[in-house]
Protein backbone atom coordinates (compact mmCIF):
# COMPACT_ATOMS: atom_id res chain seq x y z
CA MET A 1 -14.44 2.57 -11.72
CA ALA A 2 -13.01 6.08 -11.79
CA ILE A 3 -9.53 6.44 -10.51
CA GLY A 4 -10.14 9.92 -9.10
CA ARG A 5 -12.60 8.92 -6.40
CA SER A 6 -12.96 5.63 -4.59
CA GLU A 7 -16.41 4.17 -4.16
CA THR A 8 -15.34 3.38 -0.57
CA ASP A 9 -14.81 7.05 0.43
CA GLU A 10 -16.74 7.36 3.68
CA THR A 11 -16.76 11.08 4.42
CA ASP A 12 -16.52 14.49 2.85
CA VAL A 13 -15.07 17.10 5.18
CA ALA A 14 -15.13 20.81 4.52
CA HIS A 15 -11.73 22.45 4.28
CA GLY A 16 -12.60 24.83 7.06
CA GLU A 17 -13.58 22.08 9.49
CA GLU A 18 -11.26 21.26 12.38
CA ILE A 19 -10.35 17.62 12.98
CA PRO A 20 -8.54 17.45 16.30
CA GLU A 21 -8.30 13.64 16.24
CA ALA A 22 -6.23 13.94 13.07
CA ILE A 23 -3.77 16.30 14.78
CA ARG A 24 -3.57 13.87 17.69
CA ALA A 25 -2.82 11.01 15.34
CA ILE A 26 -0.04 12.98 13.67
CA ARG A 27 1.50 13.96 17.00
CA THR A 28 1.30 10.55 18.60
CA ARG A 29 2.34 8.42 15.61
CA ARG A 30 5.80 6.87 15.91
CA SER A 31 7.77 4.18 14.24
CA GLY A 32 7.83 0.96 16.20
CA HIS A 33 9.84 -2.27 16.17
CA ASN A 34 7.96 -4.29 18.79
CA PHE A 35 5.46 -6.54 17.02
CA ASP A 36 3.40 -9.48 18.24
CA PRO A 37 4.73 -12.38 16.17
CA ASP A 38 1.74 -14.54 17.09
CA ALA A 39 -0.89 -12.13 15.74
CA GLU A 40 -1.80 -11.68 12.10
CA LEU A 41 -3.04 -8.78 9.95
CA ASP A 42 -6.40 -9.79 8.44
CA ASP A 43 -7.32 -9.05 4.83
CA GLU A 44 -9.96 -6.48 5.74
CA THR A 45 -7.47 -4.44 7.72
CA LEU A 46 -4.83 -4.74 5.00
CA GLU A 47 -7.26 -3.49 2.40
CA GLY A 48 -8.32 -0.65 4.71
CA LEU A 49 -4.69 0.42 5.06
CA ILE A 50 -4.21 0.48 1.31
CA ARG A 51 -7.50 2.35 0.81
CA ASP A 52 -6.31 5.06 3.20
CA ALA A 53 -2.86 5.18 1.61
CA ALA A 54 -4.38 5.61 -1.83
CA LEU A 55 -6.25 8.75 -0.69
CA ALA A 56 -2.95 10.61 -0.42
CA PRO A 57 -2.48 13.66 -2.63
CA SER A 58 -0.53 13.29 -5.86
CA SER A 59 0.63 15.45 -8.71
CA TYR A 60 -2.47 16.19 -10.85
CA ASN A 61 -4.14 13.23 -9.12
CA LEU A 62 -2.15 10.76 -11.22
CA GLN A 63 -1.98 8.41 -8.21
CA PRO A 64 1.31 7.00 -9.49
CA TRP A 65 1.71 4.25 -6.96
CA GLU A 66 1.19 0.55 -6.33
CA PHE A 67 1.39 -1.48 -3.12
CA VAL A 68 2.84 -4.96 -2.83
CA ALA A 69 2.10 -6.79 0.41
CA VAL A 70 4.27 -9.73 1.40
CA GLN A 71 2.98 -12.04 4.17
CA ASP A 72 4.25 -15.50 3.23
CA ASP A 73 6.81 -16.66 5.86
CA ASP A 74 9.39 -17.84 3.31
CA ARG A 75 9.13 -14.66 1.28
CA LEU A 76 9.35 -12.56 4.43
CA ASP A 77 12.67 -14.29 5.15
CA GLU A 78 13.82 -13.07 1.77
CA VAL A 79 12.57 -9.55 2.55
CA VAL A 80 14.63 -9.58 5.77
CA GLU A 81 17.70 -10.54 3.76
CA LEU A 82 17.00 -7.78 1.18
CA ALA A 83 16.51 -5.34 4.06
CA TYR A 84 19.95 -6.12 5.42
CA GLY A 85 18.83 -8.30 8.30
CA GLN A 86 16.06 -6.18 9.80
CA GLU A 87 14.32 -9.02 11.62
CA HIS A 88 11.34 -6.90 12.77
CA VAL A 89 10.03 -7.18 9.23
CA LYS A 90 9.43 -10.87 9.78
CA GLU A 91 8.09 -10.31 13.28
CA ALA A 92 5.56 -7.82 11.96
CA GLY A 93 4.12 -10.44 9.66
CA THR A 94 3.35 -8.03 6.83
CA ALA A 95 5.77 -6.13 4.65
CA ILE A 96 4.25 -3.54 2.34
CA PHE A 97 6.32 -2.12 -0.48
CA VAL A 98 5.14 1.28 -1.72
CA VAL A 99 6.05 1.35 -5.41
CA GLY A 100 6.20 4.47 -7.60
CA HIS A 101 5.51 4.97 -11.31
CA THR A 102 8.33 6.58 -13.28
CA GLU A 103 6.01 7.03 -16.30
CA PRO A 104 2.68 8.89 -16.36
CA GLU A 105 0.68 5.81 -17.27
CA THR A 106 -2.57 7.05 -15.67
CA ALA A 107 -2.56 10.42 -17.42
CA ASP A 108 -5.15 9.66 -20.15
CA ARG A 109 -7.64 8.27 -17.64
CA VAL A 110 -7.07 10.97 -15.03
CA PHE A 111 -7.35 13.92 -17.34
CA GLU A 112 -10.53 12.50 -18.88
CA GLU A 113 -11.93 12.54 -15.35
CA TRP A 114 -10.76 16.13 -14.84
CA VAL A 115 -12.79 17.11 -17.92
CA GLU A 116 -15.82 14.95 -17.02
CA ALA A 117 -15.87 16.63 -13.58
CA GLY A 118 -15.93 20.07 -15.22
CA ARG A 119 -12.56 21.12 -13.83
CA PHE A 120 -11.21 21.70 -17.38
CA ASP A 121 -12.73 22.02 -20.77
CA ALA A 122 -11.50 19.36 -23.23
CA GLU A 123 -8.93 21.64 -24.88
CA THR A 124 -7.46 22.88 -21.63
CA GLY A 125 -7.41 19.35 -20.26
CA GLU A 126 -5.41 18.13 -23.26
CA GLN A 127 -2.91 20.97 -22.88
CA VAL A 128 -2.44 20.39 -19.16
CA LYS A 129 -2.04 16.67 -19.76
CA GLU A 130 0.66 17.29 -22.38
CA GLN A 131 2.52 19.60 -19.94
CA THR A 132 2.26 16.97 -17.17
CA VAL A 133 3.45 14.16 -19.37
CA ALA A 134 6.36 16.28 -20.60
CA GLY A 135 7.50 16.59 -16.98
CA TYR A 136 8.30 12.87 -17.02
CA GLN A 137 10.52 12.93 -20.10
CA SER A 138 13.87 12.59 -18.38
CA GLU A 139 14.76 9.50 -16.38
CA GLN A 140 15.66 11.64 -13.37
CA ALA A 141 12.35 13.54 -13.48
CA GLY A 142 10.40 10.26 -13.64
CA ARG A 143 12.22 8.90 -10.60
CA ASP A 144 11.68 12.16 -8.70
CA TYR A 145 7.94 12.05 -9.39
CA ALA A 146 7.80 8.41 -8.34
CA ILE A 147 9.59 9.03 -5.05
CA ARG A 148 7.75 12.21 -4.09
CA ASN A 149 4.26 10.86 -4.77
CA ALA A 150 4.80 7.38 -3.35
CA SER A 151 6.25 8.90 -0.19
CA LEU A 152 3.01 10.82 0.36
CA ALA A 153 1.10 7.54 0.12
CA ALA A 154 3.53 5.88 2.54
CA GLU A 155 2.85 8.54 5.17
CA ASN A 156 -0.90 7.99 4.78
CA LEU A 157 -0.27 4.28 5.31
CA LEU A 158 1.67 4.96 8.50
CA LEU A 159 -1.04 7.21 9.90
CA SER A 160 -3.75 4.72 9.01
CA ALA A 161 -1.87 1.95 10.80
CA HIS A 162 -1.46 4.14 13.86
CA ALA A 163 -5.13 5.10 13.91
CA ARG A 164 -6.01 1.40 13.87
CA GLY A 165 -3.80 0.64 16.85
CA LEU A 166 -1.16 -1.13 14.80
CA THR A 167 2.61 -0.75 14.89
CA ALA A 168 4.30 0.32 11.67
CA THR A 169 7.76 1.45 10.69
CA PRO A 170 8.99 2.78 7.33
CA MET A 171 12.33 1.77 5.85
CA SER A 172 14.41 2.83 2.91
CA GLY A 173 17.31 0.61 3.96
CA PHE A 174 16.95 -2.22 1.48
CA ASP A 175 18.46 -3.46 -1.75
CA PHE A 176 16.41 -1.54 -4.26
CA GLU A 177 17.50 -3.52 -7.31
CA GLY A 178 17.09 -6.78 -5.41
CA VAL A 179 13.62 -5.83 -4.27
CA ALA A 180 12.55 -4.81 -7.78
CA GLU A 181 13.62 -8.26 -9.01
CA PHE A 182 12.07 -10.02 -6.01
CA LEU A 183 8.71 -8.35 -6.59
CA GLY A 184 8.82 -8.76 -10.38
CA LEU A 185 8.46 -5.02 -10.95
CA PRO A 186 8.39 -3.81 -14.55
CA ASP A 187 11.11 -1.36 -15.61
CA ASP A 188 8.90 1.68 -15.15
CA LYS A 189 8.15 0.91 -11.46
CA ILE A 190 10.53 1.44 -8.54
CA PRO A 191 10.33 0.42 -4.86
CA VAL A 192 10.30 3.56 -2.78
CA VAL A 193 9.47 2.67 0.84
CA LEU A 194 9.15 -0.60 2.78
CA VAL A 195 6.66 -0.52 5.62
CA ALA A 196 6.62 -3.28 8.23
CA VAL A 197 3.19 -3.35 9.86
CA GLY A 198 1.38 -5.56 12.29
CA PRO A 199 -0.25 -5.84 15.72
CA SER A 200 1.73 -4.23 18.52
CA GLY A 201 3.91 -6.37 20.75
CA GLY A 202 3.87 -3.86 23.60
CA ASP A 203 5.57 -0.67 24.71
CA GLU A 204 8.29 1.01 22.68
CA PRO A 205 11.27 3.05 23.93
CA GLU A 206 10.77 6.73 24.53
CA ARG A 207 10.60 8.83 21.38
CA LEU A 208 13.94 10.37 20.43
CA PRO A 209 14.09 14.16 20.47
CA ARG A 210 12.75 16.11 17.50
CA ARG A 211 14.21 19.36 16.24
CA ASP A 212 12.30 22.37 17.55
CA VAL A 213 10.07 24.49 15.34
CA ASP A 214 12.31 27.48 15.93
CA GLU A 215 15.19 25.54 14.44
CA VAL A 216 13.50 24.27 11.31
CA LEU A 217 11.01 27.07 10.47
CA HIS A 218 12.42 29.75 8.15
CA ARG A 219 10.39 32.82 7.17
CA GLU A 220 10.62 34.41 3.71
CA HIS A 221 14.15 33.03 3.09
CA TYR A 222 16.51 30.42 4.54
């Protein structure tokens, strides 16, 4: 199956089309910590979350991410320990680690698809692939690519959870080396974000204030 397009894509939307429900989802999404410990996330919903997360944009469509779901009670106890005692991970019932690639392992496959789709001719595709792969040559660059791209997928995951009426919260407060060992990650994969997700346990506290647009928007220069 082609990596560039999932067979489960349900809709094609024109770029000029307005999607007000998407704006509403963005503006109403919030991180939550109140989960229903007696409810479980079924496999169909879990797979739907990952399907949506994997539709995130990525550099040259390399899709340099993996998702590791932990639902076993004993292993969730270990995740709580690795996450410095954040008990809501266990209460959520599902912990999803968004993992990033530090090497461009999908490049050959992806750029073949670019050429097959008529986006590049074969020569141009090879040139662009070489430039893209060269961007991963340093260890720091590889980590940067992994973090940036996996973070985009994590946001898609959060929005998908919210749209499904679930509670989800992202975390970067965990033992990264310990998690890599716990998950059995190869050396070229790094854990980027931990998302606790599950059925809601009820109301959450009021959202904390956000910085105003006038404070964070800069025009032409800082």
